[in-house]
Amino acid sequence: MKEQIRFDSQRVRLRTGEYERPDKRYEYRYTVFGKEYSIYAKTLAALREKETKLDSIEQNRLNPTPYATTVNNVYDVWKALKRGIRDNTLQNYCYLYETYVKDTIGGLYISTVKKSDIKRYFNYLNSISLSNGISRTNAISAASTATSFPATLAASSTA
């Protein structure tokens, strides 16, 4: 279904999310992760300038430079934005990441990590578990202190 074209009182076309209020001020409504926000301005030009600034801030916050972003950077953004779970669950997720992932594959650039690299890391953790006859938790703990796998993974993902 086609979106209805809307105009303000001066017959200027309004973009998606822009509204003219009854007091003749302008409002821009937007949603970030399910929560609604609004910005206001006296003129439409001023509102659109604020929209442009808002878009650039939002883009820089969520996607700084993809080729210079590491797995740890993505984790930090995820942790800052994660909502809707109990505090204890979030603490458990953070503990698991910081204990088992941060020092091993966390330093790799996200643009170079492939699905096969993650599968290889998982298989590596399983092989430690099977060869040593220890539980998976202990295998992951042993892998977090190992230094051979991250170098292997880093070399394979840059090739």
Protein backbone atom coordinates (compact mmCIF):
# COMPACT_ATOMS: atom_id res chain seq x y z
CA MET A 1 0.00 0.00 0.00
CA LYS A 2 1.30 3.41 -0.94
CA GLU A 3 2.14 5.88 1.81
CA GLN A 4 -0.03 8.98 1.78
CA ILE A 5 1.80 12.16 0.79
CA ARG A 6 1.48 14.70 3.56
CA PHE A 7 2.00 18.46 3.53
CA ASP A 8 2.32 21.10 6.24
CA SER A 9 0.22 24.27 6.43
CA GLN A 10 2.57 26.01 3.96
CA ARG A 11 2.17 23.15 1.45
CA VAL A 12 5.69 21.81 1.95
CA ARG A 13 5.91 18.04 1.63
CA LEU A 14 6.64 16.24 4.92
CA ARG A 15 8.95 13.25 5.04
CA THR A 16 8.32 10.06 6.96
CA GLY A 17 8.33 10.77 10.69
CA GLU A 18 7.85 14.55 10.31
CA TYR A 19 4.73 16.20 11.70
CA GLU A 20 3.44 19.73 12.07
CA ARG A 21 2.05 20.28 15.54
CA PRO A 22 -1.03 22.44 16.28
CA ASP A 23 1.24 25.17 17.73
CA LYS A 24 3.00 25.36 14.29
CA ARG A 25 6.19 23.75 15.56
CA TYR A 26 7.60 20.70 13.81
CA GLU A 27 8.23 17.28 15.30
CA TYR A 28 10.27 14.32 14.08
CA ARG A 29 9.40 10.94 15.61
CA TYR A 30 11.75 7.98 15.44
CA THR A 31 12.20 4.62 17.12
CA VAL A 32 15.40 3.07 18.45
CA PHE A 33 15.15 -0.57 19.49
CA GLY A 34 11.41 -0.32 20.15
CA LYS A 35 11.52 2.92 22.16
CA GLU A 36 10.01 6.05 20.62
CA TYR A 37 11.73 9.43 20.68
CA SER A 38 10.91 12.89 19.30
CA ILE A 39 12.86 16.01 18.40
CA TYR A 40 11.28 19.44 17.89
CA ALA A 41 12.09 22.64 16.00
CA LYS A 42 10.36 25.92 15.15
CA THR A 43 10.97 25.58 11.42
CA LEU A 44 11.02 22.65 9.05
CA ALA A 45 14.54 23.53 7.88
CA ALA A 46 15.83 23.48 11.46
CA LEU A 47 14.10 20.15 12.07
CA ARG A 48 15.69 18.61 8.99
CA GLU A 49 19.10 19.84 10.09
CA LYS A 50 18.57 18.13 13.45
CA GLU A 51 17.47 14.97 11.62
CA THR A 52 20.70 14.98 9.62
CA LYS A 53 22.80 15.35 12.77
CA LEU A 54 20.80 12.60 14.46
CA ASP A 55 21.31 10.23 11.53
CA SER A 56 25.07 10.83 11.45
CA ILE A 57 25.38 10.30 15.21
CA GLU A 58 23.33 7.12 15.03
CA GLN A 59 25.37 5.74 12.12
CA ASN A 60 28.68 6.46 13.86
CA ARG A 61 27.51 4.91 17.10
CA LEU A 62 26.21 1.69 15.58
CA ASN A 63 28.69 1.21 12.76
CA PRO A 64 31.97 3.02 13.41
CA THR A 65 34.33 1.72 10.70
CA PRO A 66 33.60 -1.89 9.78
CA TYR A 67 37.19 -2.65 8.78
CA ALA A 68 38.58 -1.40 12.10
CA THR A 69 35.93 -3.03 14.31
CA THR A 70 36.91 -6.05 16.36
CA VAL A 71 34.73 -8.75 17.85
CA ASN A 72 35.30 -7.09 21.23
CA ASN A 73 33.98 -3.75 19.87
CA VAL A 74 30.81 -5.46 18.65
CA TYR A 75 30.42 -7.09 22.06
CA ASP A 76 30.77 -3.71 23.80
CA VAL A 77 28.03 -2.20 21.61
CA TRP A 78 25.81 -5.24 22.15
CA LYS A 79 26.30 -5.04 25.92
CA ALA A 80 25.45 -1.32 25.98
CA LEU A 81 22.27 -1.82 23.94
CA LYS A 82 21.04 -5.13 25.36
CA ARG A 83 17.76 -4.73 27.25
CA GLY A 84 14.80 -6.90 28.16
CA ILE A 85 16.62 -9.63 30.07
CA ARG A 86 17.20 -10.10 33.76
CA ASP A 87 20.34 -8.61 35.26
CA ASN A 88 21.60 -12.00 36.37
CA THR A 89 21.30 -13.34 32.79
CA LEU A 90 23.21 -10.38 31.38
CA GLN A 91 25.95 -10.84 33.99
CA ASN A 92 26.19 -14.52 33.03
CA TYR A 93 26.51 -13.64 29.32
CA CYS A 94 29.20 -11.08 30.13
CA TYR A 95 31.10 -13.56 32.29
CA LEU A 96 31.06 -16.23 29.57
CA TYR A 97 32.21 -13.82 26.88
CA GLU A 98 34.94 -12.19 28.92
CA THR A 99 36.23 -15.52 30.21
CA TYR A 100 36.15 -17.63 27.04
CA VAL A 101 36.04 -15.34 23.99
CA LYS A 102 37.59 -11.96 24.78
CA ASP A 103 41.22 -13.08 24.92
CA THR A 104 41.00 -15.75 22.22
CA ILE A 105 39.05 -14.50 19.20
CA GLY A 106 37.85 -11.16 20.56
CA GLY A 107 40.74 -9.22 19.07
CA LEU A 108 40.03 -10.30 15.48
CA TYR A 109 38.59 -7.81 13.03
CA ILE A 110 34.93 -8.53 12.46
CA SER A 111 35.30 -8.01 8.71
CA THR A 112 37.74 -10.94 8.52
CA VAL A 113 35.86 -13.43 10.73
CA LYS A 114 33.97 -16.02 8.72
CA LYS A 115 31.38 -18.56 9.76
CA SER A 116 33.96 -21.29 9.12
CA ASP A 117 36.32 -19.61 11.63
CA ILE A 118 33.68 -19.79 14.35
CA LYS A 119 32.96 -23.43 13.48
CA ARG A 120 36.70 -24.18 13.60
CA TYR A 121 36.93 -22.54 17.04
CA PHE A 122 33.95 -24.55 18.29
CA ASN A 123 35.48 -27.78 16.95
CA TYR A 124 38.74 -26.84 18.62
CA LEU A 125 36.95 -26.52 21.96
CA ASN A 126 35.26 -29.89 21.40
CA SER A 127 38.55 -31.59 20.48
CA ILE A 128 40.12 -30.44 23.75
CA SER A 129 37.12 -31.82 25.59
CA LEU A 130 37.27 -35.24 23.87
CA SER A 131 41.05 -35.73 23.87
CA ASN A 132 41.55 -34.82 27.52
CA GLY A 133 38.39 -36.47 28.83
CA ILE A 134 37.26 -33.26 30.54
CA SER A 135 33.96 -31.44 30.56
CA ARG A 136 33.15 -28.75 27.98
CA THR A 137 33.33 -26.02 30.59
CA ASN A 138 36.86 -27.06 31.52
CA ALA A 139 37.75 -27.40 27.82
CA ILE A 140 36.61 -23.86 27.14
CA SER A 141 38.56 -22.68 30.15
CA ALA A 142 41.67 -24.47 28.89
CA ALA A 143 41.15 -22.95 25.44
CA SER A 144 40.90 -19.46 26.87
CA THR A 145 44.44 -19.80 28.20
CA ALA A 146 45.80 -21.44 25.04
CA THR A 147 47.68 -19.21 22.65
CA SER A 148 48.04 -21.48 19.60
CA PHE A 149 44.49 -21.33 18.27
CA PRO A 150 44.01 -17.55 17.95
CA ALA A 151 47.18 -17.29 15.86
CA THR A 152 45.93 -20.11 13.63
CA LEU A 153 42.52 -18.51 13.31
CA ALA A 154 43.96 -15.08 12.60
CA ALA A 155 46.23 -16.48 9.90
CA SER A 156 43.38 -18.37 8.23
CA SER A 157 40.97 -15.42 8.26
CA THR A 158 43.43 -13.03 6.63
CA ALA A 159 44.18 -15.48 3.81
